[in-house]
Amino acid sequence: MRIIIGVILLVGAALYKVAESFDDTPQFSASELKPGGETTRKSVSHRTFVYPAENVPIMTQLDFWDGFSFFRDPWVASPAITKDRDGLGPLFNARSCKTCHVDGGRGKPPKHGELAPPALLFRFLNIKSYMADSRYGGQLQPLNVRLSHANLDGPVKGEGQVRVFYDQIVGTYTDGTEYTLRKPRYQFENYHYGQMDSDSRLSARYAPAVYGMGLLDAIKAEDLLVQEDIDDLDGDGVSGKYNFVVDAIDQTRQIGRFGFKGLHSTLEQQIAGAFVNDIGITNPIFEQEQCLPHQVRCQQAADVDPNGTLDIPKKLHDLTVFMGQTIAVPPARDLTSDQAIQGRKLFYQIGCNTCHTPSYITDPDYAIAAIAGQKIWPYTDLALHDMGEGLADEGIENSATGIEWRTPPLWGIGLQKRVQGFAAYLHDGRARTIEEAVLWHGGEAKSHQQKFIDLKITEREALLHFINQI
């Protein structure tokens, strides 16, 4: 009997070892509870994502809040008494950063049949080359300043508007449960400068949450590039690549790590680009208004300032950038529950971590000490991936093709509805839930999506619970 029991125990131990070898889920680390490292907020706010990093000194936090004022407060047209706040437009999408990034999160998405709100802007992408539209430039700007000035021979006209509609797509999980997705389609209305080019396409961009951006800025380039696998040499079906862009300051080629297609290489340039394109605010990096030659009244309105000064000078621009760099990441929540532990295991088993790289250590030499050398958990490789025809926009943006999108970070993703009262996901806000966002994954992520579809309902709930907690 002892021999039989001994054999059973040995066989059991061997089977356990075999099962263990197939489970390559990394051991849980307590640092996962602080996804932004020491910058992480100590608690979750129920009303805003905008808080300075916890390890930023008190006196330095004054710079944060000064920068926040330029994020929050609306801009007005020049000339105006409020010299630090004038320079709006002449063409623009919103009067303030906060209009699109509500409470530091995302803006409210449109309902079926509504005009696109400021938080959903549209880029003009060419299907053949990286060229702006000849009539509308690189971005649709629907709003315009209303000025009465001797230099104008008529009102400035906004470029046009987009109405949003949704088509329903019904699918079925392997267990028979039905799901419904919505696919947006866009109707361009009120063309004020003629028809867009035949090779141009409208590409929607739904404003992302802004917390943790400084930490992404601080990831070393070599830690990102080691993940690039353009030819899929490891044979896992995933071939991420980086969108290299020309740095606007030193003209070198850098990794494009910001924007849904990786348009900007640094957070400073991302903020400067948003200032000039979204609000019409000239700044130390982008000094010219975005008026095209045939937009005569736009150019006339841009020349209202007789001194030709920047709308936001370097000192104030730097404060705004500092605020963007040091917004705290919210803490993770229920990661040690049985459901979250199961969901975490499924996250790795399905292969979500292939693109949503869990963690990094930021550059110890990063310019802001509070952000430098931090163990962070953003869940992104910041690389471009083929996400399938279902999410494609057809256009080309630098080296990004129509089917390629940059992997977004997942930290704090489950807090959007709790903090803001609404939720929408993916680059255009089409997904109403994280579940829908996963179901939209195609292309390189198709096999991972299918594994999600094949899960039992309790397993799906566990995986989604984990994602909601990180």
Protein backbone atom coordinates (compact mmCIF):
# COMPACT_ATOMS: atom_id res chain seq x y z
CA MET A 1 0.00 0.00 0.00
CA ARG A 2 2.83 2.41 0.88
CA ILE A 3 4.40 1.73 -2.52
CA ILE A 4 1.10 2.49 -4.30
CA ILE A 5 0.64 5.71 -2.33
CA GLY A 6 4.23 6.68 -3.06
CA VAL A 7 3.73 6.11 -6.79
CA ILE A 8 0.53 8.17 -6.74
CA LEU A 9 2.32 11.01 -4.98
CA LEU A 10 5.21 10.92 -7.43
CA VAL A 11 2.84 10.89 -10.42
CA GLY A 12 0.84 13.72 -8.87
CA ALA A 13 3.95 15.76 -8.31
CA ALA A 14 5.08 15.15 -11.88
CA LEU A 15 1.70 16.20 -13.26
CA TYR A 16 1.84 19.33 -11.10
CA LYS A 17 5.27 20.15 -12.49
CA VAL A 18 3.99 19.69 -16.05
CA ALA A 19 0.95 21.90 -15.39
CA GLU A 20 3.18 24.46 -13.71
CA SER A 21 5.49 24.55 -16.71
CA PHE A 22 2.58 25.51 -18.95
CA ASP A 23 1.62 28.38 -16.67
CA ASP A 24 4.10 31.14 -17.43
CA THR A 25 2.09 33.82 -15.64
CA PRO A 26 4.59 36.06 -13.83
CA GLN A 27 4.32 36.07 -10.07
CA PHE A 28 2.20 38.90 -8.71
CA SER A 29 4.21 41.87 -7.47
CA ALA A 30 3.04 44.35 -4.85
CA SER A 31 4.32 47.11 -7.15
CA GLU A 32 1.36 46.39 -9.46
CA LEU A 33 -0.85 48.13 -6.90
CA LYS A 34 1.07 51.35 -7.65
CA PRO A 35 1.05 51.47 -11.47
CA GLY A 36 2.71 54.87 -11.55
CA GLY A 37 5.42 53.93 -9.06
CA GLU A 38 5.89 56.54 -6.35
CA THR A 39 3.94 59.04 -8.45
CA THR A 40 0.74 57.02 -7.92
CA ARG A 41 -2.20 58.64 -6.18
CA LYS A 42 -2.86 57.22 -2.71
CA SER A 43 -6.60 56.96 -3.32
CA VAL A 44 -9.12 57.12 -6.16
CA SER A 45 -10.97 60.39 -6.67
CA HIS A 46 -14.65 60.20 -7.56
CA ARG A 47 -14.63 63.45 -9.52
CA THR A 48 -11.34 64.01 -11.38
CA PHE A 49 -8.13 62.42 -12.62
CA VAL A 50 -6.20 65.66 -12.22
CA TYR A 51 -3.86 65.46 -9.23
CA PRO A 52 -0.11 66.07 -9.03
CA ALA A 53 2.17 63.08 -8.64
CA GLU A 54 2.42 62.05 -4.99
CA ASN A 55 6.21 62.44 -4.90
CA VAL A 56 6.34 65.94 -6.39
CA PRO A 57 7.50 68.38 -3.65
CA ILE A 58 4.86 70.72 -2.25
CA MET A 59 6.49 73.88 -3.61
CA THR A 60 6.85 72.31 -7.06
CA GLN A 61 3.16 71.44 -6.99
CA LEU A 62 2.51 75.17 -7.31
CA ASP A 63 3.96 74.93 -10.84
CA PHE A 64 1.63 71.99 -11.48
CA TRP A 65 -1.45 74.01 -10.55
CA ASP A 66 -0.25 77.04 -12.52
CA GLY A 67 0.11 74.76 -15.55
CA PHE A 68 -3.31 73.31 -14.85
CA SER A 69 -4.89 76.74 -15.18
CA PHE A 70 -3.81 76.83 -18.82
CA PHE A 71 -5.25 73.34 -19.29
CA ARG A 72 -8.54 74.23 -17.62
CA ASP A 73 -9.43 77.81 -18.49
CA PRO A 74 -10.96 78.81 -21.85
CA TRP A 75 -9.00 80.90 -24.33
CA VAL A 76 -10.40 84.01 -26.01
CA ALA A 77 -9.75 85.65 -29.36
CA SER A 78 -7.13 88.36 -29.82
CA PRO A 79 -6.97 91.19 -29.10
CA ALA A 80 -8.25 90.99 -25.53
CA ILE A 81 -7.62 92.44 -22.10
CA THR A 82 -6.60 88.99 -20.79
CA LYS A 83 -3.19 88.86 -22.50
CA ASP A 84 -2.26 85.48 -21.04
CA ARG A 85 -5.46 83.92 -22.37
CA ASP A 86 -5.94 85.42 -25.81
CA GLY A 87 -4.97 83.99 -29.18
CA LEU A 88 -7.84 81.54 -29.72
CA GLY A 89 -8.22 80.27 -33.27
CA PRO A 90 -8.90 81.69 -35.82
CA LEU A 91 -9.96 78.08 -36.55
CA PHE A 92 -10.14 75.60 -33.70
CA ASN A 93 -11.81 72.52 -32.20
CA ALA A 94 -12.18 73.63 -28.58
CA ARG A 95 -11.56 76.63 -26.32
CA SER A 96 -9.59 74.70 -23.70
CA CYS A 97 -7.75 71.42 -23.14
CA LYS A 98 -10.34 70.45 -20.52
CA THR A 99 -13.14 70.63 -23.10
CA CYS A 100 -11.84 67.42 -24.68
CA HIS A 101 -10.00 65.85 -21.74
CA VAL A 102 -12.81 66.18 -19.22
CA ASP A 103 -11.43 66.02 -15.67
CA GLY A 104 -8.18 64.69 -17.13
CA GLY A 105 -10.03 61.74 -18.68
CA ARG A 106 -11.87 61.38 -21.96
CA GLY A 107 -14.59 63.58 -23.43
CA LYS A 108 -18.23 62.60 -23.72
CA PRO A 109 -18.80 60.61 -26.95
CA PRO A 110 -21.59 61.45 -29.42
CA LYS A 111 -24.86 59.56 -29.63
CA HIS A 112 -26.30 58.22 -32.89
CA GLY A 113 -27.12 61.09 -35.26
CA GLU A 114 -25.36 63.79 -33.24
CA LEU A 115 -22.67 66.14 -34.49
CA ALA A 116 -19.22 65.14 -33.30
CA PRO A 117 -18.33 66.97 -30.06
CA PRO A 118 -14.91 68.63 -29.58
CA ALA A 119 -13.55 65.48 -27.90
CA LEU A 120 -13.97 63.59 -31.20
CA LEU A 121 -11.79 65.35 -33.73
CA PHE A 122 -10.96 64.27 -37.27
CA ARG A 123 -7.66 64.09 -39.08
CA PHE A 124 -7.42 64.14 -42.87
CA LEU A 125 -5.26 61.23 -44.00
CA ASN A 126 -4.28 60.39 -47.57
CA ILE A 127 -4.74 56.81 -48.78
CA LYS A 128 -1.64 56.98 -51.00
CA SER A 129 0.92 59.11 -49.20
CA TYR A 130 1.56 61.13 -46.06
CA MET A 131 0.01 64.35 -47.34
CA ALA A 132 -2.47 66.77 -45.82
CA ASP A 133 -5.71 67.61 -47.60
CA SER A 134 -5.25 70.55 -49.99
CA ARG A 135 -8.49 72.21 -48.83
CA TYR A 136 -8.48 71.41 -45.11
CA GLY A 137 -4.93 70.58 -44.08
CA GLY A 138 -4.22 67.82 -41.59
CA GLN A 139 -7.13 68.30 -39.21
CA LEU A 140 -10.75 69.40 -39.45
CA GLN A 141 -11.41 72.53 -37.39
CA PRO A 142 -15.16 73.14 -37.19
CA LEU A 143 -15.17 76.24 -34.97
CA ASN A 144 -14.14 79.81 -35.75
CA VAL A 145 -13.60 83.08 -33.95
CA ARG A 146 -16.19 85.82 -34.37
CA LEU A 147 -14.31 89.09 -34.69
CA SER A 148 -15.25 92.61 -35.69
CA HIS A 149 -11.97 94.08 -36.82
CA ALA A 150 -10.89 96.49 -39.51
CA ASN A 151 -8.40 93.98 -40.87
CA LEU A 152 -11.14 91.46 -41.76
CA ASP A 153 -13.24 91.65 -44.94
CA GLY A 154 -15.79 89.19 -43.57
CA PRO A 155 -16.29 86.53 -40.88
CA VAL A 156 -13.94 83.59 -40.53
CA LYS A 157 -15.74 80.35 -41.41
CA GLY A 158 -15.29 77.05 -39.62
CA GLU A 159 -14.19 74.26 -41.94
CA GLY A 160 -17.16 71.95 -41.54
CA GLN A 161 -18.85 69.46 -39.26
CA VAL A 162 -19.18 65.70 -38.96
CA ARG A 163 -22.34 63.86 -37.99
CA VAL A 164 -21.90 60.46 -36.36
CA PHE A 165 -24.03 57.38 -36.97
CA TYR A 166 -23.66 53.84 -35.63
CA ASP A 167 -24.42 50.54 -37.32
CA GLN A 168 -25.06 47.52 -35.13
CA ILE A 169 -23.07 44.30 -35.48
CA VAL A 170 -24.29 41.18 -33.67
CA GLY A 171 -21.95 38.34 -32.73
CA THR A 172 -21.99 35.22 -30.58
CA TYR A 173 -19.59 33.82 -28.01
CA THR A 174 -18.68 30.15 -28.22
CA ASP A 175 -20.99 29.45 -25.26
CA GLY A 176 -23.93 30.90 -27.21
CA THR A 177 -24.11 34.30 -25.50
CA GLU A 178 -24.84 37.11 -27.95
CA TYR A 179 -23.06 40.46 -28.02
CA THR A 180 -23.66 43.65 -29.97
CA LEU A 181 -21.00 46.03 -31.27
CA ARG A 182 -21.49 49.42 -32.88
CA LYS A 183 -19.51 50.59 -35.88
CA PRO A 184 -19.40 54.35 -36.54
CA ARG A 185 -19.85 56.00 -39.90
CA TYR A 186 -19.36 59.67 -40.53
CA GLN A 187 -21.18 62.23 -42.64
CA PHE A 188 -19.17 65.35 -43.51
CA GLU A 189 -21.49 68.39 -43.54
CA ASN A 190 -21.20 72.10 -44.33
CA TYR A 191 -18.05 72.03 -46.43
CA HIS A 192 -17.03 75.68 -46.22
CA TYR A 193 -13.88 75.32 -48.33
CA GLY A 194 -15.02 72.90 -51.03
CA GLN A 195 -14.86 69.13 -51.32
CA MET A 196 -11.94 67.35 -49.67
CA ASP A 197 -9.44 65.63 -51.97
CA SER A 198 -10.52 62.34 -53.52
CA ASP A 199 -7.55 60.59 -51.86
CA SER A 200 -8.34 62.02 -48.40
CA ARG A 201 -10.13 60.15 -45.63
CA LEU A 202 -11.52 61.34 -42.33
CA SER A 203 -9.92 59.54 -39.39
CA ALA A 204 -11.58 59.92 -36.00
CA ARG A 205 -9.57 60.65 -32.85
CA TYR A 206 -11.31 60.40 -29.47
CA ALA A 207 -9.38 62.39 -26.86
CA PRO A 208 -7.47 60.08 -24.48
CA ALA A 209 -7.00 60.36 -20.73
CA VAL A 210 -3.92 62.43 -19.91
CA TYR A 211 -2.67 61.00 -16.60
CA GLY A 212 0.63 59.11 -16.65
CA MET A 213 1.81 60.66 -19.92
CA GLY A 214 5.05 61.89 -18.37
CA LEU A 215 5.91 58.35 -17.31
CA LEU A 216 5.41 57.11 -20.88
CA ASP A 217 7.64 59.97 -22.01
CA ALA A 218 10.31 58.72 -19.58
CA ILE A 219 10.53 55.14 -20.88
CA LYS A 220 13.93 54.66 -22.50
CA ALA A 221 13.83 54.25 -26.29
CA GLU A 222 15.94 51.09 -26.15
CA ASP A 223 13.41 49.46 -23.81
CA LEU A 224 10.76 50.04 -26.44
CA LEU A 225 12.83 49.10 -29.48
CA VAL A 226 13.73 45.71 -28.04
CA GLN A 227 10.04 44.83 -28.52
CA GLU A 228 9.95 45.71 -32.22
CA ASP A 229 9.46 42.62 -34.40
CA ILE A 230 8.42 43.89 -37.81
CA ASP A 231 8.97 40.55 -39.58
CA ASP A 232 7.58 38.43 -36.74
CA LEU A 233 10.85 36.59 -36.29
CA ASP A 234 9.64 34.94 -33.09
CA GLY A 235 6.63 33.48 -34.93
CA ASP A 236 3.99 34.55 -32.41
CA GLY A 237 1.82 36.24 -35.06
CA VAL A 238 2.50 39.70 -33.67
CA SER A 239 4.75 42.08 -35.60
CA GLY A 240 4.83 45.39 -33.77
CA LYS A 241 6.74 48.32 -35.22
CA TYR A 242 7.37 51.91 -34.20
CA ASN A 243 6.27 54.97 -36.11
CA PHE A 244 9.46 57.01 -36.43
CA VAL A 245 8.80 60.73 -36.73
CA VAL A 246 10.95 63.83 -37.14
CA ASP A 247 11.43 65.66 -33.87
CA ALA A 248 10.18 69.23 -34.34
CA ILE A 249 12.98 70.68 -32.19
CA ASP A 250 16.20 68.96 -33.27
CA GLN A 251 14.99 67.34 -36.54
CA THR A 252 16.20 63.87 -35.52
CA ARG A 253 14.18 60.69 -36.09
CA GLN A 254 12.55 59.54 -32.88
CA ILE A 255 9.97 56.97 -31.81
CA GLY A 256 6.47 58.37 -32.14
CA ARG A 257 5.02 57.39 -28.78
CA PHE A 258 2.08 59.82 -28.48
CA GLY A 259 -1.11 59.95 -30.52
CA PHE A 260 -3.18 57.00 -31.74
CA LYS A 261 -0.76 56.45 -34.62
CA GLY A 262 2.37 57.70 -32.87
CA LEU A 263 2.45 61.16 -34.46
CA HIS A 264 4.58 62.90 -31.79
CA SER A 265 7.87 61.79 -30.24
CA THR A 266 7.63 63.65 -26.92
CA LEU A 267 4.89 64.79 -24.59
CA GLU A 268 6.09 68.37 -25.02
CA GLN A 269 5.43 68.18 -28.76
CA GLN A 270 2.11 66.38 -28.23
CA ILE A 271 0.94 69.26 -26.03
CA ALA A 272 2.31 71.90 -28.41
CA GLY A 273 0.60 70.17 -31.35
CA ALA A 274 -2.71 70.10 -29.47
CA PHE A 275 -2.36 73.79 -28.63
CA VAL A 276 -1.89 74.88 -32.25
CA ASN A 277 -4.19 72.36 -33.97
CA ASP A 278 -7.00 72.02 -31.46
CA ILE A 279 -7.17 75.53 -29.98
CA GLY A 280 -5.22 77.62 -32.49
CA ILE A 281 -2.61 78.66 -29.91
CA THR A 282 0.84 79.34 -31.36
CA ASN A 283 3.67 78.27 -29.07
CA PRO A 284 7.47 77.89 -28.92
CA ILE A 285 7.42 74.64 -30.95
CA PHE A 286 4.68 75.40 -33.48
CA GLU A 287 4.81 79.12 -34.15
CA GLN A 288 2.46 79.42 -37.13
CA GLU A 289 -1.32 79.37 -37.28
CA GLN A 290 -2.78 76.51 -39.30
CA CYS A 291 -4.39 78.72 -41.97
CA LEU A 292 -4.10 77.47 -45.55
CA PRO A 293 -3.40 79.90 -48.45
CA HIS A 294 -7.01 79.91 -49.69
CA GLN A 295 -8.37 80.57 -46.15
CA VAL A 296 -7.88 84.31 -46.54
CA ARG A 297 -10.02 85.46 -43.64
CA CYS A 298 -8.33 82.97 -41.35
CA GLN A 299 -4.97 84.51 -42.28
CA GLN A 300 -6.31 88.02 -41.77
CA ALA A 301 -7.60 87.10 -38.30
CA ALA A 302 -4.26 85.47 -37.47
CA ASP A 303 -2.54 88.80 -38.15
CA VAL A 304 -4.68 90.75 -35.66
CA ASP A 305 -1.84 90.82 -33.11
CA PRO A 306 0.35 93.71 -34.31
CA ASN A 307 3.35 92.48 -32.33
CA GLY A 308 3.32 89.02 -33.86
CA THR A 309 4.01 87.41 -30.48
CA LEU A 310 3.31 83.78 -29.61
CA ASP A 311 -0.12 83.12 -28.12
CA ILE A 312 1.49 81.23 -25.26
CA PRO A 313 5.10 82.14 -24.43
CA LYS A 314 7.69 79.58 -23.41
CA LYS A 315 7.39 80.14 -19.65
CA LEU A 316 3.65 79.43 -19.63
CA HIS A 317 3.95 76.66 -22.19
CA ASP A 318 6.58 74.96 -20.01
CA LEU A 319 4.24 75.12 -17.01
CA THR A 320 1.51 73.42 -19.02
CA VAL A 321 3.95 70.72 -20.15
CA PHE A 322 5.10 70.19 -16.55
CA MET A 323 1.50 69.72 -15.48
CA GLY A 324 1.03 67.14 -18.24
CA GLN A 325 4.20 65.31 -17.22
CA THR A 326 3.30 65.05 -13.55
CA ILE A 327 -0.39 64.11 -13.46
CA ALA A 328 -0.61 61.15 -11.09
CA VAL A 329 -1.74 57.73 -12.21
CA PRO A 330 -4.64 56.41 -10.08
CA PRO A 331 -3.90 53.36 -7.91
CA ALA A 332 -4.86 49.84 -8.90
CA ARG A 333 -7.69 48.41 -6.87
CA ASP A 334 -8.90 44.85 -6.27
CA LEU A 335 -5.93 42.92 -7.66
CA THR A 336 -5.60 40.39 -4.85
CA SER A 337 -9.15 38.99 -4.98
CA ASP A 338 -9.68 35.49 -6.35
CA GLN A 339 -11.49 36.86 -9.41
CA ALA A 340 -8.73 39.34 -10.23
CA ILE A 341 -6.05 36.65 -9.75
CA GLN A 342 -7.91 34.40 -12.18
CA GLY A 343 -8.33 37.29 -14.63
CA ARG A 344 -4.64 38.18 -14.39
CA LYS A 345 -3.71 34.62 -15.22
CA LEU A 346 -6.02 34.64 -18.26
CA PHE A 347 -4.56 37.97 -19.38
CA TYR A 348 -1.16 36.31 -19.78
CA GLN A 349 -2.47 32.97 -21.03
CA ILE A 350 -4.47 34.57 -23.84
CA GLY A 351 -1.45 36.70 -24.74
CA CYS A 352 -2.82 40.18 -24.03
CA ASN A 353 0.61 41.03 -22.62
CA THR A 354 2.18 40.50 -26.07
CA CYS A 355 1.17 44.05 -27.04
CA HIS A 356 0.04 45.42 -23.69
CA THR A 357 3.50 45.13 -22.12
CA PRO A 358 2.83 45.25 -18.38
CA SER A 359 5.81 47.09 -16.89
CA TYR A 360 8.94 49.19 -17.35
CA ILE A 361 11.46 51.10 -15.28
CA THR A 362 11.61 54.71 -16.41
CA ASP A 363 14.87 56.38 -17.39
CA PRO A 364 16.81 57.19 -14.17
CA ASP A 365 18.22 60.25 -15.94
CA TYR A 366 14.84 61.71 -16.95
CA ALA A 367 14.75 65.48 -16.44
CA ILE A 368 12.04 65.40 -13.77
CA ALA A 369 13.34 63.59 -10.69
CA ALA A 370 9.88 62.50 -9.49
CA ILE A 371 9.34 60.51 -12.69
CA ALA A 372 12.85 59.11 -13.10
CA GLY A 373 13.70 55.51 -12.16
CA GLN A 374 10.11 54.47 -11.42
CA LYS A 375 8.75 50.90 -11.77
CA ILE A 376 5.54 51.49 -13.72
CA TRP A 377 2.70 49.28 -15.01
CA PRO A 378 1.10 51.02 -18.04
CA TYR A 379 0.30 47.86 -20.07
CA THR A 380 1.45 49.11 -23.47
CA ASP A 381 4.38 48.67 -25.85
CA LEU A 382 3.55 52.02 -27.54
CA ALA A 383 4.08 50.21 -30.87
CA LEU A 384 1.95 50.07 -34.00
CA HIS A 385 0.03 46.87 -34.68
CA ASP A 386 -2.27 45.63 -37.43
CA MET A 387 -5.66 45.74 -35.74
CA GLY A 388 -7.66 44.47 -38.72
CA GLU A 389 -10.01 45.94 -41.29
CA GLY A 390 -12.77 46.50 -38.75
CA LEU A 391 -10.81 49.34 -37.13
CA ALA A 392 -9.01 50.56 -40.27
CA ASP A 393 -9.21 54.18 -41.43
CA GLU A 394 -7.43 53.67 -44.80
CA GLY A 395 -5.08 56.65 -44.44
CA ILE A 396 -1.31 56.85 -44.01
CA GLU A 397 0.34 58.72 -41.13
CA ASN A 398 4.13 58.66 -41.41
CA SER A 399 4.89 54.91 -41.51
CA ALA A 400 1.54 53.94 -39.97
CA THR A 401 -0.89 52.38 -42.45
CA GLY A 402 -4.67 52.43 -42.22
CA ILE A 403 -4.89 49.15 -40.31
CA GLU A 404 -2.20 50.03 -37.78
CA TRP A 405 -2.80 51.60 -34.38
CA ARG A 406 -0.56 52.30 -31.41
CA THR A 407 -1.21 50.13 -28.35
CA PRO A 408 -2.90 52.35 -25.73
CA PRO A 409 -2.02 52.09 -22.03
CA LEU A 410 -4.56 50.30 -19.84
CA TRP A 411 -3.77 51.72 -16.40
CA GLY A 412 -6.85 53.29 -14.80
CA ILE A 413 -9.05 52.25 -17.73
CA GLY A 414 -11.72 50.83 -15.46
CA LEU A 415 -12.21 54.13 -13.62
CA GLN A 416 -13.61 56.17 -16.48
CA LYS A 417 -17.30 55.65 -15.72
CA ARG A 418 -16.74 55.86 -11.97
CA VAL A 419 -14.96 59.22 -12.21
CA GLN A 420 -16.66 60.77 -15.24
CA GLY A 421 -20.09 59.16 -15.34
CA PHE A 422 -19.68 57.83 -18.88
CA ALA A 423 -17.36 55.49 -20.72
CA ALA A 424 -16.12 54.92 -24.27
CA TYR A 425 -13.06 53.15 -25.59
CA LEU A 426 -10.80 52.66 -28.63
CA HIS A 427 -9.42 55.39 -30.88
CA ASP A 428 -12.86 56.62 -31.95
CA GLY A 429 -14.94 55.87 -28.85
CA ARG A 430 -17.05 53.23 -30.58
CA ALA A 431 -16.73 50.67 -27.78
CA ARG A 432 -19.13 51.30 -24.91
CA THR A 433 -17.42 48.78 -22.65
CA ILE A 434 -13.99 47.19 -22.27
CA GLU A 435 -15.62 43.95 -23.41
CA GLU A 436 -16.60 45.56 -26.72
CA ALA A 437 -13.10 46.98 -27.11
CA VAL A 438 -11.62 43.48 -26.80
CA LEU A 439 -14.13 42.11 -29.32
CA TRP A 440 -13.03 44.72 -31.88
CA HIS A 441 -9.48 43.35 -31.87
CA GLY A 442 -8.55 41.90 -35.26
CA GLY A 443 -5.49 41.56 -37.46
CA GLU A 444 -2.52 40.53 -35.32
CA ALA A 445 -4.82 40.32 -32.30
CA LYS A 446 -7.42 38.10 -34.00
CA SER A 447 -6.21 34.88 -32.34
CA HIS A 448 -6.25 36.59 -28.94
CA GLN A 449 -9.76 37.89 -29.60
CA GLN A 450 -10.88 34.35 -30.52
CA LYS A 451 -9.44 32.99 -27.28
CA PHE A 452 -11.52 35.60 -25.45
CA ILE A 453 -14.63 34.54 -27.39
CA ASP A 454 -13.96 30.91 -26.46
CA LEU A 455 -13.82 31.60 -22.71
CA LYS A 456 -16.58 30.58 -20.36
CA ILE A 457 -18.67 33.46 -19.06
CA THR A 458 -17.07 33.28 -15.59
CA GLU A 459 -13.63 33.44 -17.20
CA ARG A 460 -14.60 36.44 -19.34
CA GLU A 461 -15.90 38.20 -16.26
CA ALA A 462 -12.66 37.46 -14.41
CA LEU A 463 -10.47 38.78 -17.23
CA LEU A 464 -12.56 41.94 -17.57
CA HIS A 465 -12.54 42.39 -13.79
CA PHE A 466 -8.74 42.31 -13.79
CA ILE A 467 -8.50 44.86 -16.61
CA ASN A 468 -10.96 47.09 -14.75
CA GLN A 469 -8.73 47.03 -11.66
CA ILE A 470 -5.27 47.76 -13.09
